[in-house]
């Protein structure tokens, strides 16, 4: 049974940094794609970044490119989202997701992912 557990969220000020973690368990993720999504109150879920666990290639949404970086630690079975220069509009619940790799391109829509974590709240004050 796949389990994804996010941590690292919190309340920060604009310009600060946070690193979110997604601890994955329940199977081998070497042939999986891992993604981060976020959802602000009253808004649709938004893709943030994705990584191919095996080969390490990444894709990041334009809205956070240059500020957010996705990475993984194979030994710890953990995916990270490093968030720098945070802005109030980054406030949202951030969720980790996983799916078997099906295509060459990394999945960027929520319906392409099979497994989800419970989410962690990130609040950025101005």
PDB file of N, CA and C in Angstrom:
ATOM      1  N   UNK A   1       0.842  -1.193   0.000  1.00  0.00           N
ATOM      2  CA  UNK A   1       0.000   0.000   0.000  1.00  0.00           C
ATOM      3  C   UNK A   1       0.878   1.243   0.000  1.00  0.00           C
ATOM      4  N   UNK A   2       0.701   2.079  -1.006  1.00  0.00           N
ATOM      5  CA  UNK A   2       1.510   3.285  -1.129  1.00  0.00           C
ATOM      6  C   UNK A   2       1.060   4.312  -0.105  1.00  0.00           C
ATOM      7  N   UNK A   3       2.035   4.887   0.577  1.00  0.00           N
ATOM      8  CA  UNK A   3       1.764   5.974   1.517  1.00  0.00           C
ATOM      9  C   UNK A   3       2.674   7.141   1.204  1.00  0.00           C
ATOM     10  N   UNK A   4       2.098   8.323   1.172  1.00  0.00           N
ATOM     11  CA  UNK A   4       2.852   9.553   0.965  1.00  0.00           C
ATOM     12  C   UNK A   4       2.547  10.474   2.131  1.00  0.00           C
ATOM     13  N   UNK A   5       3.579  10.923   2.822  1.00  0.00           N
ATOM     14  CA  UNK A   5       3.374  11.773   3.995  1.00  0.00           C
ATOM     15  C   UNK A   5       4.192  13.043   3.838  1.00  0.00           C
ATOM     16  N   UNK A   6       3.487  14.167   3.741  1.00  0.00           N
ATOM     17  CA  UNK A   6       4.151  15.461   3.588  1.00  0.00           C
ATOM     18  C   UNK A   6       4.462  16.071   4.951  1.00  0.00           C
ATOM     19  N   UNK A   7       5.495  16.895   4.968  1.00  0.00           N
ATOM     20  CA  UNK A   7       5.836  17.653   6.166  1.00  0.00           C
ATOM     21  C   UNK A   7       6.623  18.888   5.755  1.00  0.00           C
ATOM     22  N   UNK A   8       6.788  19.806   6.704  1.00  0.00           N
ATOM     23  CA  UNK A   8       7.613  20.971   6.449  1.00  0.00           C
ATOM     24  C   UNK A   8       6.866  22.262   6.205  1.00  0.00           C
ATOM     25  N   UNK A   9       5.544  22.198   6.154  1.00  0.00           N
ATOM     26  CA  UNK A   9       4.782  23.420   5.958  1.00  0.00           C
ATOM     27  C   UNK A   9       4.808  24.301   7.192  1.00  0.00           C
ATOM     28  N   UNK A  10       4.279  25.511   7.052  1.00  0.00           N
ATOM     29  CA  UNK A  10       4.225  26.416   8.190  1.00  0.00           C
ATOM     30  C   UNK A  10       3.880  27.816   7.786  1.00  0.00           C
ATOM     31  N   UNK A  11       4.009  28.723   8.736  1.00  0.00           N
ATOM     32  CA  UNK A  11       3.746  30.146   8.528  1.00  0.00           C
ATOM     33  C   UNK A  11       5.073  30.879   8.421  1.00  0.00           C
ATOM     34  N   UNK A  12       5.273  31.565   7.298  1.00  0.00           N
ATOM     35  CA  UNK A  12       6.511  32.305   7.067  1.00  0.00           C
ATOM     36  C   UNK A  12       6.172  33.679   6.527  1.00  0.00           C
ATOM     37  N   UNK A  13       7.192  34.522   6.457  1.00  0.00           N
ATOM     38  CA  UNK A  13       7.011  35.858   5.896  1.00  0.00           C
ATOM     39  C   UNK A  13       7.449  35.871   4.430  1.00  0.00           C
ATOM     40  N   UNK A  14       6.949  36.830   3.704  1.00  0.00           N
ATOM     41  CA  UNK A  14       7.341  36.984   2.303  1.00  0.00           C
ATOM     42  C   UNK A  14       8.859  37.116   2.205  1.00  0.00           C
ATOM     43  N   UNK A  15       9.434  36.389   1.250  1.00  0.00           N
ATOM     44  CA  UNK A  15      10.869  36.392   1.061  1.00  0.00           C
ATOM     45  C   UNK A  15      11.589  35.245   1.751  1.00  0.00           C
ATOM     46  N   UNK A  16      10.909  34.578   2.662  1.00  0.00           N
ATOM     47  CA  UNK A  16      11.501  33.456   3.383  1.00  0.00           C
ATOM     48  C   UNK A  16      11.536  32.199   2.506  1.00  0.00           C
ATOM     49  N   UNK A  17      12.162  31.164   3.055  1.00  0.00           N
ATOM     50  CA  UNK A  17      12.258  29.873   2.371  1.00  0.00           C
ATOM     51  C   UNK A  17      11.663  28.769   3.246  1.00  0.00           C
ATOM     52  N   UNK A  18      11.199  27.723   2.575  1.00  0.00           N
ATOM     53  CA  UNK A  18      10.725  26.513   3.242  1.00  0.00           C
ATOM     54  C   UNK A  18      11.124  25.321   2.398  1.00  0.00           C
ATOM     55  N   UNK A  19      11.329  24.185   3.051  1.00  0.00           N
ATOM     56  CA  UNK A  19      11.548  22.951   2.315  1.00  0.00           C
ATOM     57  C   UNK A  19      10.495  21.939   2.742  1.00  0.00           C
ATOM     58  N   UNK A  20       9.690  21.525   1.789  1.00  0.00           N
ATOM     59  CA  UNK A  20       8.690  20.498   2.042  1.00  0.00           C
ATOM     60  C   UNK A  20       9.283  19.123   1.757  1.00  0.00           C
ATOM     61  N   UNK A  21       8.857  18.142   2.531  1.00  0.00           N
ATOM     62  CA  UNK A  21       9.292  16.767   2.341  1.00  0.00           C
ATOM     63  C   UNK A  21       8.089  15.875   2.080  1.00  0.00           C
ATOM     64  N   UNK A  22       8.305  14.852   1.278  1.00  0.00           N
ATOM     65  CA  UNK A  22       7.274  13.851   1.004  1.00  0.00           C
ATOM     66  C   UNK A  22       7.935  12.484   1.193  1.00  0.00           C
ATOM     67  N   UNK A  23       7.622  11.841   2.305  1.00  0.00           N
ATOM     68  CA  UNK A  23       8.162  10.523   2.586  1.00  0.00           C
ATOM     69  C   UNK A  23       7.276   9.467   1.944  1.00  0.00           C
ATOM     70  N   UNK A  24       7.868   8.667   1.069  1.00  0.00           N
ATOM     71  CA  UNK A  24       7.113   7.659   0.320  1.00  0.00           C
ATOM     72  C   UNK A  24       7.420   6.253   0.841  1.00  0.00           C
ATOM     73  N   UNK A  25       6.402   5.428   0.934  1.00  0.00           N
ATOM     74  CA  UNK A  25       6.594   4.049   1.402  1.00  0.00           C
ATOM     75  C   UNK A  25       5.561   3.138   0.773  1.00  0.00           C
ATOM     76  N   UNK A  26       5.769   1.847   0.911  1.00  0.00           N
ATOM     77  CA  UNK A  26       4.796   0.868   0.442  1.00  0.00           C
ATOM     78  C   UNK A  26       5.179   0.133  -0.821  1.00  0.00           C
ATOM     79  N   UNK A  27       6.198   0.622  -1.518  1.00  0.00           N
ATOM     80  CA  UNK A  27       6.656  -0.063  -2.715  1.00  0.00           C
ATOM     81  C   UNK A  27       7.968   0.574  -3.175  1.00  0.00           C
ATOM     82  N   UNK A  28       8.529   0.031  -4.249  1.00  0.00           N
ATOM     83  CA  UNK A  28       9.713   0.633  -4.860  1.00  0.00           C
ATOM     84  C   UNK A  28       9.261   1.697  -5.852  1.00  0.00           C
ATOM     85  N   UNK A  29       9.832   2.878  -5.749  1.00  0.00           N
ATOM     86  CA  UNK A  29       9.377   4.003  -6.569  1.00  0.00           C
ATOM     87  C   UNK A  29      10.321   4.303  -7.727  1.00  0.00           C
ATOM     88  N   UNK A  30      11.191   3.373  -8.053  1.00  0.00           N
ATOM     89  CA  UNK A  30      12.199   3.651  -9.073  1.00  0.00           C
ATOM     90  C   UNK A  30      11.587   3.931 -10.436  1.00  0.00           C
ATOM     91  N   UNK A  31      10.415   3.416 -10.730  1.00  0.00           N
ATOM     92  CA  UNK A  31       9.775   3.655 -12.021  1.00  0.00           C
ATOM     93  C   UNK A  31       8.551   4.566 -11.862  1.00  0.00           C
ATOM     94  N   UNK A  32       8.628   5.479 -10.930  1.00  0.00           N
ATOM     95  CA  UNK A  32       7.523   6.369 -10.645  1.00  0.00           C
ATOM     96  C   UNK A  32       7.874   7.823 -10.947  1.00  0.00           C
ATOM     97  N   UNK A  33       6.828   8.576 -11.235  1.00  0.00           N
ATOM     98  CA  UNK A  33       6.923  10.026 -11.285  1.00  0.00           C
ATOM     99  C   UNK A  33       6.290  10.579 -10.012  1.00  0.00           C
ATOM    100  N   UNK A  34       6.945  11.565  -9.441  1.00  0.00           N
ATOM    101  CA  UNK A  34       6.454  12.203  -8.222  1.00  0.00           C
ATOM    102  C   UNK A  34       6.147  13.665  -8.529  1.00  0.00           C
ATOM    103  N   UNK A  35       5.039  14.141  -8.007  1.00  0.00           N
ATOM    104  CA  UNK A  35       4.668  15.522  -8.268  1.00  0.00           C
ATOM    105  C   UNK A  35       4.270  16.273  -7.017  1.00  0.00           C
ATOM    106  N   UNK A  36       4.398  17.590  -7.098  1.00  0.00           N
ATOM    107  CA  UNK A  36       3.868  18.481  -6.061  1.00  0.00           C
ATOM    108  C   UNK A  36       2.771  19.336  -6.687  1.00  0.00           C
ATOM    109  N   UNK A  37       1.669  19.439  -5.981  1.00  0.00           N
ATOM    110  CA  UNK A  37       0.557  20.283  -6.384  1.00  0.00           C
ATOM    111  C   UNK A  37       0.204  21.194  -5.213  1.00  0.00           C
ATOM    112  N   UNK A  38      -0.527  22.248  -5.503  1.00  0.00           N
ATOM    113  CA  UNK A  38      -1.000  23.120  -4.426  1.00  0.00           C
ATOM    114  C   UNK A  38      -2.418  23.574  -4.725  1.00  0.00           C
ATOM    115  N   UNK A  39      -3.143  23.872  -3.650  1.00  0.00           N
ATOM    116  CA  UNK A  39      -4.509  24.353  -3.803  1.00  0.00           C
ATOM    117  C   UNK A  39      -4.765  25.442  -2.769  1.00  0.00           C
ATOM    118  N   UNK A  40      -5.059  26.631  -3.275  1.00  0.00           N
ATOM    119  CA  UNK A  40      -5.413  27.753  -2.419  1.00  0.00           C
ATOM    120  C   UNK A  40      -6.919  27.781  -2.213  1.00  0.00           C
ATOM    121  N   UNK A  41      -7.390  28.411  -1.144  1.00  0.00           N
ATOM    122  CA  UNK A  41      -8.845  28.459  -0.885  1.00  0.00           C
ATOM    123  C   UNK A  41      -9.598  29.061  -2.055  1.00  0.00           C
ATOM    124  N   UNK A  42     -10.634  28.357  -2.497  1.00  0.00           N
ATOM    125  CA  UNK A  42     -11.474  28.860  -3.572  1.00  0.00           C
ATOM    126  C   UNK A  42     -10.885  28.707  -4.958  1.00  0.00           C
ATOM    127  N   UNK A  43      -9.716  28.054  -5.054  1.00  0.00           N
ATOM    128  CA  UNK A  43      -9.069  27.892  -6.360  1.00  0.00           C
ATOM    129  C   UNK A  43      -8.896  26.411  -6.686  1.00  0.00           C
ATOM    130  N   UNK A  44      -8.664  26.143  -7.964  1.00  0.00           N
ATOM    131  CA  UNK A  44      -8.437  24.764  -8.392  1.00  0.00           C
ATOM    132  C   UNK A  44      -7.024  24.319  -8.007  1.00  0.00           C
ATOM    133  N   UNK A  45      -6.861  23.012  -7.930  1.00  0.00           N
ATOM    134  CA  UNK A  45      -5.542  22.466  -7.659  1.00  0.00           C
ATOM    135  C   UNK A  45      -4.601  22.825  -8.803  1.00  0.00           C
ATOM    136  N   UNK A  46      -3.384  23.205  -8.453  1.00  0.00           N
ATOM    137  CA  UNK A  46      -2.418  23.698  -9.438  1.00  0.00           C
ATOM    138  C   UNK A  46      -1.145  22.863  -9.400  1.00  0.00           C
ATOM    139  N   UNK A  47      -0.646  22.482 -10.570  1.00  0.00           N
ATOM    140  CA  UNK A  47       0.619  21.762 -10.664  1.00  0.00           C
ATOM    141  C   UNK A  47       1.768  22.693 -10.286  1.00  0.00           C
ATOM    142  N   UNK A  48       2.733  22.144  -9.531  1.00  0.00           N
ATOM    143  CA  UNK A  48       3.901  22.924  -9.128  1.00  0.00           C
ATOM    144  C   UNK A  48       5.174  22.366  -9.765  1.00  0.00           C
ATOM    145  N   UNK A  49       5.429  21.076  -9.556  1.00  0.00           N
ATOM    146  CA  UNK A  49       6.667  20.498 -10.083  1.00  0.00           C
ATOM    147  C   UNK A  49       6.558  18.975 -10.072  1.00  0.00           C
ATOM    148  N   UNK A  50       7.377  18.330 -10.907  1.00  0.00           N
ATOM    149  CA  UNK A  50       7.395  16.868 -10.971  1.00  0.00           C
ATOM    150  C   UNK A  50       8.813  16.376 -11.228  1.00  0.00           C
ATOM    151  N   UNK A  51       9.059  15.123 -10.845  1.00  0.00           N
ATOM    152  CA  UNK A  51      10.376  14.526 -11.031  1.00  0.00           C
ATOM    153  C   UNK A  51      10.222  13.044 -11.358  1.00  0.00           C
ATOM    154  N   UNK A  52      11.061  12.556 -12.272  1.00  0.00           N
ATOM    155  CA  UNK A  52      11.139  11.130 -12.542  1.00  0.00           C
ATOM    156  C   UNK A  52      12.097  10.541 -11.519  1.00  0.00           C
ATOM    157  N   UNK A  53      11.573   9.646 -10.659  1.00  0.00           N
ATOM    158  CA  UNK A  53      12.382   9.168  -9.542  1.00  0.00           C
ATOM    159  C   UNK A  53      13.640   8.463 -10.022  1.00  0.00           C
ATOM    160  N   UNK A  54      13.549   7.744 -11.105  1.00  0.00           N
ATOM    161  CA  UNK A  54      14.675   6.934 -11.557  1.00  0.00           C
ATOM    162  C   UNK A  54      15.775   7.775 -12.197  1.00  0.00           C
ATOM    163  N   UNK A  55      15.420   8.605 -13.176  1.00  0.00           N
ATOM    164  CA  UNK A  55      16.453   9.315 -13.927  1.00  0.00           C
ATOM    165  C   UNK A  55      16.646  10.742 -13.447  1.00  0.00           C
ATOM    166  N   UNK A  56      15.714  11.236 -12.621  1.00  0.00           N
ATOM    167  CA  UNK A  56      15.918  12.525 -11.990  1.00  0.00           C
ATOM    168  C   UNK A  56      15.562  13.749 -12.794  1.00  0.00           C
ATOM    169  N   UNK A  57      15.017  13.593 -13.998  1.00  0.00           N
ATOM    170  CA  UNK A  57      14.633  14.794 -14.751  1.00  0.00           C
ATOM    171  C   UNK A  57      13.429  15.441 -14.089  1.00  0.00           C
ATOM    172  N   UNK A  58      13.346  16.749 -14.235  1.00  0.00           N
ATOM    173  CA  UNK A  58      12.305  17.506 -13.542  1.00  0.00           C
ATOM    174  C   UNK A  58      11.571  18.439 -14.499  1.00  0.00           C
ATOM    175  N   UNK A  59      10.414  18.870 -14.064  1.00  0.00           N
ATOM    176  CA  UNK A  59       9.643  19.896 -14.773  1.00  0.00           C
ATOM    177  C   UNK A  59       8.982  20.765 -13.734  1.00  0.00           C
ATOM    178  N   UNK A  60       9.076  22.090 -13.922  1.00  0.00           N
ATOM    179  CA  UNK A  60       8.549  23.036 -12.936  1.00  0.00           C
ATOM    180  C   UNK A  60       7.595  24.006 -13.615  1.00  0.00           C
ATOM    181  N   UNK A  61       6.511  24.325 -12.939  1.00  0.00           N
ATOM    182  CA  UNK A  61       5.534  25.260 -13.483  1.00  0.00           C
ATOM    183  C   UNK A  61       6.160  26.649 -13.631  1.00  0.00           C
ATOM    184  N   UNK A  62       5.729  27.366 -14.660  1.00  0.00           N
ATOM    185  CA  UNK A  62       6.254  28.714 -14.919  1.00  0.00           C
ATOM    186  C   UNK A  62       6.025  29.636 -13.723  1.00  0.00           C
ATOM    187  N   UNK A  63       4.924  29.430 -13.005  1.00  0.00           N
ATOM    188  CA  UNK A  63       4.575  30.322 -11.906  1.00  0.00           C
ATOM    189  C   UNK A  63       5.584  30.283 -10.759  1.00  0.00           C
ATOM    190  N   UNK A  64       6.356  29.204 -10.662  1.00  0.00           N
ATOM    191  CA  UNK A  64       7.312  29.081  -9.559  1.00  0.00           C
ATOM    192  C   UNK A  64       8.741  28.836 -10.054  1.00  0.00           C
ATOM    193  N   UNK A  65       8.919  28.799 -11.368  1.00  0.00           N
ATOM    194  CA  UNK A  65      10.243  28.512 -11.921  1.00  0.00           C
ATOM    195  C   UNK A  65      11.245  29.568 -11.466  1.00  0.00           C
ATOM    196  N   UNK A  66      12.419  29.099 -11.059  1.00  0.00           N
ATOM    197  CA  UNK A  66      13.440  30.017 -10.562  1.00  0.00           C
ATOM    198  C   UNK A  66      13.371  30.221  -9.063  1.00  0.00           C
ATOM    199  N   UNK A  67      12.252  29.833  -8.448  1.00  0.00           N
ATOM    200  CA  UNK A  67      12.095  29.965  -6.992  1.00  0.00           C
ATOM    201  C   UNK A  67      11.944  28.611  -6.315  1.00  0.00           C
ATOM    202  N   UNK A  68      11.270  27.665  -6.965  1.00  0.00           N
ATOM    203  CA  UNK A  68      11.022  26.347  -6.387  1.00  0.00           C
ATOM    204  C   UNK A  68      11.855  25.296  -7.116  1.00  0.00           C
ATOM    205  N   UNK A  69      12.349  24.311  -6.355  1.00  0.00           N
ATOM    206  CA  UNK A  69      13.137  23.223  -6.925  1.00  0.00           C
ATOM    207  C   UNK A  69      12.682  21.898  -6.329  1.00  0.00           C
ATOM    208  N   UNK A  70      12.407  20.936  -7.203  1.00  0.00           N
ATOM    209  CA  UNK A  70      12.042  19.593  -6.746  1.00  0.00           C
ATOM    210  C   UNK A  70      13.269  18.700  -6.840  1.00  0.00           C
ATOM    211  N   UNK A  71      13.401  17.803  -5.847  1.00  0.00           N
ATOM    212  CA  UNK A  71      14.528  16.873  -5.835  1.00  0.00           C
ATOM    213  C   UNK A  71      14.111  15.620  -5.086  1.00  0.00           C
ATOM    214  N   UNK A  72      14.971  14.585  -5.140  1.00  0.00           N
ATOM    215  CA  UNK A  72      14.649  13.373  -4.393  1.00  0.00           C
ATOM    216  C   UNK A  72      15.913  12.788  -3.799  1.00  0.00           C
ATOM    217  N   UNK A  73      15.713  12.052  -2.698  1.00  0.00           N
ATOM    218  CA  UNK A  73      16.790  11.344  -2.022  1.00  0.00           C
ATOM    219  C   UNK A  73      16.420   9.866  -2.052  1.00  0.00           C
ATOM    220  N   UNK A  74      17.099   9.113  -2.888  1.00  0.00           N
ATOM    221  CA  UNK A  74      16.758   7.710  -3.053  1.00  0.00           C
ATOM    222  C   UNK A  74      16.938   6.922  -1.762  1.00  0.00           C
ATOM    223  N   UNK A  75      17.991   7.224  -1.025  1.00  0.00           N
ATOM    224  CA  UNK A  75      18.277   6.478   0.205  1.00  0.00           C
ATOM    225  C   UNK A  75      17.183   6.680   1.250  1.00  0.00           C
ATOM    226  N   UNK A  76      16.583   7.878   1.260  1.00  0.00           N
ATOM    227  CA  UNK A  76      15.553   8.180   2.250  1.00  0.00           C
ATOM    228  C   UNK A  76      14.146   7.996   1.695  1.00  0.00           C
ATOM    229  N   UNK A  77      14.045   7.626   0.422  1.00  0.00           N
ATOM    230  CA  UNK A  77      12.728   7.483  -0.211  1.00  0.00           C
ATOM    231  C   UNK A  77      11.882   8.737  -0.014  1.00  0.00           C
ATOM    232  N   UNK A  78      12.498   9.872  -0.213  1.00  0.00           N
ATOM    233  CA  UNK A  78      11.844  11.149   0.069  1.00  0.00           C
ATOM    234  C   UNK A  78      12.032  12.107  -1.103  1.00  0.00           C
ATOM    235  N   UNK A  79      10.960  12.817  -1.417  1.00  0.00           N
ATOM    236  CA  UNK A  79      10.987  13.869  -2.429  1.00  0.00           C
ATOM    237  C   UNK A  79      10.858  15.209  -1.710  1.00  0.00           C
ATOM    238  N   UNK A  80      11.576  16.200  -2.196  1.00  0.00           N
ATOM    239  CA  UNK A  80      11.594  17.514  -1.556  1.00  0.00           C
ATOM    240  C   UNK A  80      11.088  18.585  -2.511  1.00  0.00           C
ATOM    241  N   UNK A  81      10.574  19.648  -1.940  1.00  0.00           N
ATOM    242  CA  UNK A  81      10.258  20.854  -2.688  1.00  0.00           C
ATOM    243  C   UNK A  81      10.886  22.023  -1.937  1.00  0.00           C
ATOM    244  N   UNK A  82      11.980  22.527  -2.476  1.00  0.00           N
ATOM    245  CA  UNK A  82      12.638  23.692  -1.895  1.00  0.00           C
ATOM    246  C   UNK A  82      11.974  24.935  -2.436  1.00  0.00           C
ATOM    247  N   UNK A  83      11.457  25.766  -1.551  1.00  0.00           N
ATOM    248  CA  UNK A  83      10.728  26.961  -1.949  1.00  0.00           C
ATOM    249  C   UNK A  83      11.456  28.185  -1.424  1.00  0.00           C
ATOM    250  N   UNK A  84      11.945  29.005  -2.319  1.00  0.00           N
ATOM    251  CA  UNK A  84      12.661  30.226  -1.955  1.00  0.00           C
ATOM    252  C   UNK A  84      11.871  31.452  -2.385  1.00  0.00           C
ATOM    253  N   UNK A  85      12.219  32.584  -1.809  1.00  0.00           N
ATOM    254  CA  UNK A  85      11.577  33.863  -2.151  1.00  0.00           C
ATOM    255  C   UNK A  85      10.061  33.738  -2.159  1.00  0.00           C
ATOM    256  N   UNK A  86       9.532  33.199  -1.095  1.00  0.00           N
ATOM    257  CA  UNK A  86       8.098  32.941  -1.026  1.00  0.00           C
ATOM    258  C   UNK A  86       7.291  34.231  -1.069  1.00  0.00           C
ATOM    259  N   UNK A  87       6.131  34.136  -1.708  1.00  0.00           N
ATOM    260  CA  UNK A  87       5.228  35.273  -1.867  1.00  0.00           C
ATOM    261  C   UNK A  87       3.876  34.926  -1.229  1.00  0.00           C
ATOM    262  N   UNK A  88       3.106  35.934  -0.846  1.00  0.00           N
ATOM    263  CA  UNK A  88       1.780  35.657  -0.279  1.00  0.00           C
ATOM    264  C   UNK A  88       0.915  34.786  -1.195  1.00  0.00           C
ATOM    265  N   UNK A  89       1.064  34.945  -2.512  1.00  0.00           N
ATOM    266  CA  UNK A  89       0.264  34.143  -3.445  1.00  0.00           C
ATOM    267  C   UNK A  89       0.694  32.679  -3.497  1.00  0.00           C
ATOM    268  N   UNK A  90       1.779  32.320  -2.804  1.00  0.00           N
ATOM    269  CA  UNK A  90       2.169  30.911  -2.693  1.00  0.00           C
ATOM    270  C   UNK A  90       1.399  30.206  -1.576  1.00  0.00           C
ATOM    271  N   UNK A  91       0.622  30.950  -0.812  1.00  0.00           N
ATOM    272  CA  UNK A  91      -0.162  30.355   0.270  1.00  0.00           C
ATOM    273  C   UNK A  91      -1.143  29.330  -0.281  1.00  0.00           C
ATOM    274  N   UNK A  92      -1.056  28.099   0.246  1.00  0.00           N
ATOM    275  CA  UNK A  92      -1.895  27.001  -0.242  1.00  0.00           C
ATOM    276  C   UNK A  92      -1.612  25.754   0.581  1.00  0.00           C
ATOM    277  N   UNK A  93      -2.434  24.745   0.356  1.00  0.00           N
ATOM    278  CA  UNK A  93      -2.121  23.395   0.841  1.00  0.00           C
ATOM    279  C   UNK A  93      -1.319  22.703  -0.251  1.00  0.00           C
ATOM    280  N   UNK A  94      -0.143  22.221   0.118  1.00  0.00           N
ATOM    281  CA  UNK A  94       0.748  21.571  -0.840  1.00  0.00           C
ATOM    282  C   UNK A  94       0.660  20.060  -0.645  1.00  0.00           C
ATOM    283  N   UNK A  95       0.449  19.364  -1.754  1.00  0.00           N
ATOM    284  CA  UNK A  95       0.285  17.911  -1.699  1.00  0.00           C
ATOM    285  C   UNK A  95       1.281  17.227  -2.620  1.00  0.00           C
ATOM    286  N   UNK A  96       1.714  16.072  -2.165  1.00  0.00           N
ATOM    287  CA  UNK A  96       2.616  15.224  -2.919  1.00  0.00           C
ATOM    288  C   UNK A  96       1.802  14.135  -3.604  1.00  0.00           C
ATOM    289  N   UNK A  97       2.214  13.726  -4.800  1.00  0.00           N
ATOM    290  CA  UNK A  97       1.488  12.705  -5.542  1.00  0.00           C
ATOM    291  C   UNK A  97       2.467  11.782  -6.267  1.00  0.00           C
ATOM    292  N   UNK A  98       2.010  10.564  -6.581  1.00  0.00           N
ATOM    293  CA  UNK A  98       2.868   9.586  -7.243  1.00  0.00           C
ATOM    294  C   UNK A  98       2.078   8.812  -8.288  1.00  0.00           C
ATOM    295  N   UNK A  99       2.777   8.414  -9.333  1.00  0.00           N
ATOM    296  CA  UNK A  99       2.157   7.582 -10.364  1.00  0.00           C
ATOM    297  C   UNK A  99       3.238   6.830 -11.118  1.00  0.00           C
ATOM    298  N   UNK A 100       2.949   5.631 -11.608  1.00  0.00           N
ATOM    299  CA  UNK A 100       3.929   4.942 -12.455  1.00  0.00           C
ATOM    300  C   UNK A 100       4.234   5.764 -13.699  1.00  0.00           C
ATOM    301  N   UNK A 101       5.460   5.722 -14.137  1.00  0.00           N
ATOM    302  CA  UNK A 101       5.841   6.429 -15.359  1.00  0.00           C
ATOM    303  C   UNK A 101       5.157   5.750 -16.550  1.00  0.00           C
ATOM    304  N   UNK A 102       4.394   6.530 -17.311  1.00  0.00           N
ATOM    305  CA  UNK A 102       3.655   5.977 -18.455  1.00  0.00           C
ATOM    306  C   UNK A 102       4.138   6.557 -19.784  1.00  0.00           C
ATOM    307  N   UNK A 103       4.596   7.792 -19.745  1.00  0.00           N
ATOM    308  CA  UNK A 103       5.011   8.466 -20.964  1.00  0.00           C
ATOM    309  C   UNK A 103       6.372   9.107 -20.755  1.00  0.00           C
ATOM    310  N   UNK A 104       6.966   9.562 -21.849  1.00  0.00           N
ATOM    311  CA  UNK A 104       8.269  10.198 -21.753  1.00  0.00           C
ATOM    312  C   UNK A 104       8.190  11.513 -20.978  1.00  0.00           C
ATOM    313  N   UNK A 105       7.119  12.261 -21.193  1.00  0.00           N
ATOM    314  CA  UNK A 105       6.963  13.542 -20.519  1.00  0.00           C
ATOM    315  C   UNK A 105       6.418  13.327 -19.113  1.00  0.00           C
ATOM    316  N   UNK A 106       6.840  14.152 -18.181  1.00  0.00           N
ATOM    317  CA  UNK A 106       6.356  14.060 -16.815  1.00  0.00           C
ATOM    318  C   UNK A 106       4.895  14.518 -16.728  1.00  0.00           C
ATOM    319  N   UNK A 107       4.092  13.835 -15.930  1.00  0.00           N
ATOM    320  CA  UNK A 107       2.684  14.223 -15.793  1.00  0.00           C
ATOM    321  C   UNK A 107       2.552  15.533 -15.035  1.00  0.00           C
ATOM    322  N   UNK A 108       1.640  16.392 -15.515  1.00  0.00           N
ATOM    323  CA  UNK A 108       1.452  17.706 -14.907  1.00  0.00           C
ATOM    324  C   UNK A 108       0.005  17.996 -14.528  1.00  0.00           C
ATOM    325  N   UNK A 109      -0.875  17.026 -14.687  1.00  0.00           N
ATOM    326  CA  UNK A 109      -2.276  17.214 -14.302  1.00  0.00           C
ATOM    327  C   UNK A 109      -2.619  16.245 -13.179  1.00  0.00           C
ATOM    328  N   UNK A 110      -3.509  16.660 -12.289  1.00  0.00           N
ATOM    329  CA  UNK A 110      -3.802  15.868 -11.103  1.00  0.00           C
ATOM    330  C   UNK A 110      -4.403  14.509 -11.439  1.00  0.00           C
ATOM    331  N   UNK A 111      -5.181  14.425 -12.509  1.00  0.00           N
ATOM    332  CA  UNK A 111      -5.840  13.159 -12.821  1.00  0.00           C
ATOM    333  C   UNK A 111      -4.862  12.087 -13.303  1.00  0.00           C
ATOM    334  N   UNK A 112      -3.636  12.486 -13.617  1.00  0.00           N
ATOM    335  CA  UNK A 112      -2.626  11.521 -14.059  1.00  0.00           C
ATOM    336  C   UNK A 112      -1.956  10.812 -12.880  1.00  0.00           C
ATOM    337  N   UNK A 113      -2.192  11.280 -11.670  1.00  0.00           N
ATOM    338  CA  UNK A 113      -1.547  10.713 -10.506  1.00  0.00           C
ATOM    339  C   UNK A 113      -2.483   9.779  -9.755  1.00  0.00           C
ATOM    340  N   UNK A 114      -1.933   8.653  -9.310  1.00  0.00           N
ATOM    341  CA  UNK A 114      -2.731   7.614  -8.664  1.00  0.00           C
ATOM    342  C   UNK A 114      -2.754   7.720  -7.142  1.00  0.00           C
ATOM    343  N   UNK A 115      -1.702   8.244  -6.562  1.00  0.00           N
ATOM    344  CA  UNK A 115      -1.580   8.252  -5.106  1.00  0.00           C
ATOM    345  C   UNK A 115      -1.313   9.670  -4.620  1.00  0.00           C
ATOM    346  N   UNK A 116      -1.909  10.007  -3.463  1.00  0.00           N
ATOM    347  CA  UNK A 116      -1.801  11.359  -2.920  1.00  0.00           C
ATOM    348  C   UNK A 116      -1.532  11.329  -1.428  1.00  0.00           C
ATOM    349  N   UNK A 117      -0.785  12.327  -0.976  1.00  0.00           N
ATOM    350  CA  UNK A 117      -0.622  12.538   0.449  1.00  0.00           C
ATOM    351  C   UNK A 117      -1.746  13.406   0.989  1.00  0.00           C
ATOM    352  N   UNK A 118      -1.686  13.670   2.288  1.00  0.00           N
ATOM    353  CA  UNK A 118      -2.774  14.416   2.930  1.00  0.00           C
ATOM    354  C   UNK A 118      -2.603  15.930   2.800  1.00  0.00           C
ATOM    355  N   UNK A 119      -1.413  16.363   2.447  1.00  0.00           N
ATOM    356  CA  UNK A 119      -1.164  17.783   2.253  1.00  0.00           C
ATOM    357  C   UNK A 119      -0.576  18.460   3.476  1.00  0.00           C
ATOM    358  N   UNK A 120       0.120  19.562   3.231  1.00  0.00           N
ATOM    359  CA  UNK A 120       0.679  20.374   4.314  1.00  0.00           C
ATOM    360  C   UNK A 120       0.435  21.846   3.989  1.00  0.00           C
ATOM    361  N   UNK A 121       0.033  22.603   4.988  1.00  0.00           N
ATOM    362  CA  UNK A 121      -0.328  24.005   4.785  1.00  0.00           C
ATOM    363  C   UNK A 121       0.915  24.887   4.762  1.00  0.00           C
ATOM    364  N   UNK A 122       0.971  25.733   3.760  1.00  0.00           N
ATOM    365  CA  UNK A 122       1.999  26.774   3.677  1.00  0.00           C
ATOM    366  C   UNK A 122       1.289  28.124   3.654  1.00  0.00           C
ATOM    367  N   UNK A 123       1.628  28.976   4.587  1.00  0.00           N
ATOM    368  CA  UNK A 123       1.042  30.301   4.665  1.00  0.00           C
ATOM    369  C   UNK A 123       2.153  31.337   4.642  1.00  0.00           C
ATOM    370  N   UNK A 124       2.059  32.256   3.688  1.00  0.00           N
ATOM    371  CA  UNK A 124       3.074  33.291   3.534  1.00  0.00           C
ATOM    372  C   UNK A 124       2.424  34.640   3.831  1.00  0.00           C
ATOM    373  N   UNK A 125       2.915  35.309   4.853  1.00  0.00           N
ATOM    374  CA  UNK A 125       2.360  36.612   5.227  1.00  0.00           C
ATOM    375  C   UNK A 125       3.152  37.732   4.555  1.00  0.00           C
ATOM    376  N   UNK A 126       2.459  38.819   4.287  1.00  0.00           N
ATOM    377  CA  UNK A 126       3.119  39.949   3.595  1.00  0.00           C
ATOM    378  C   UNK A 126       3.790  40.899   4.577  1.00  0.00           C
TER     379      UNK A 126
END
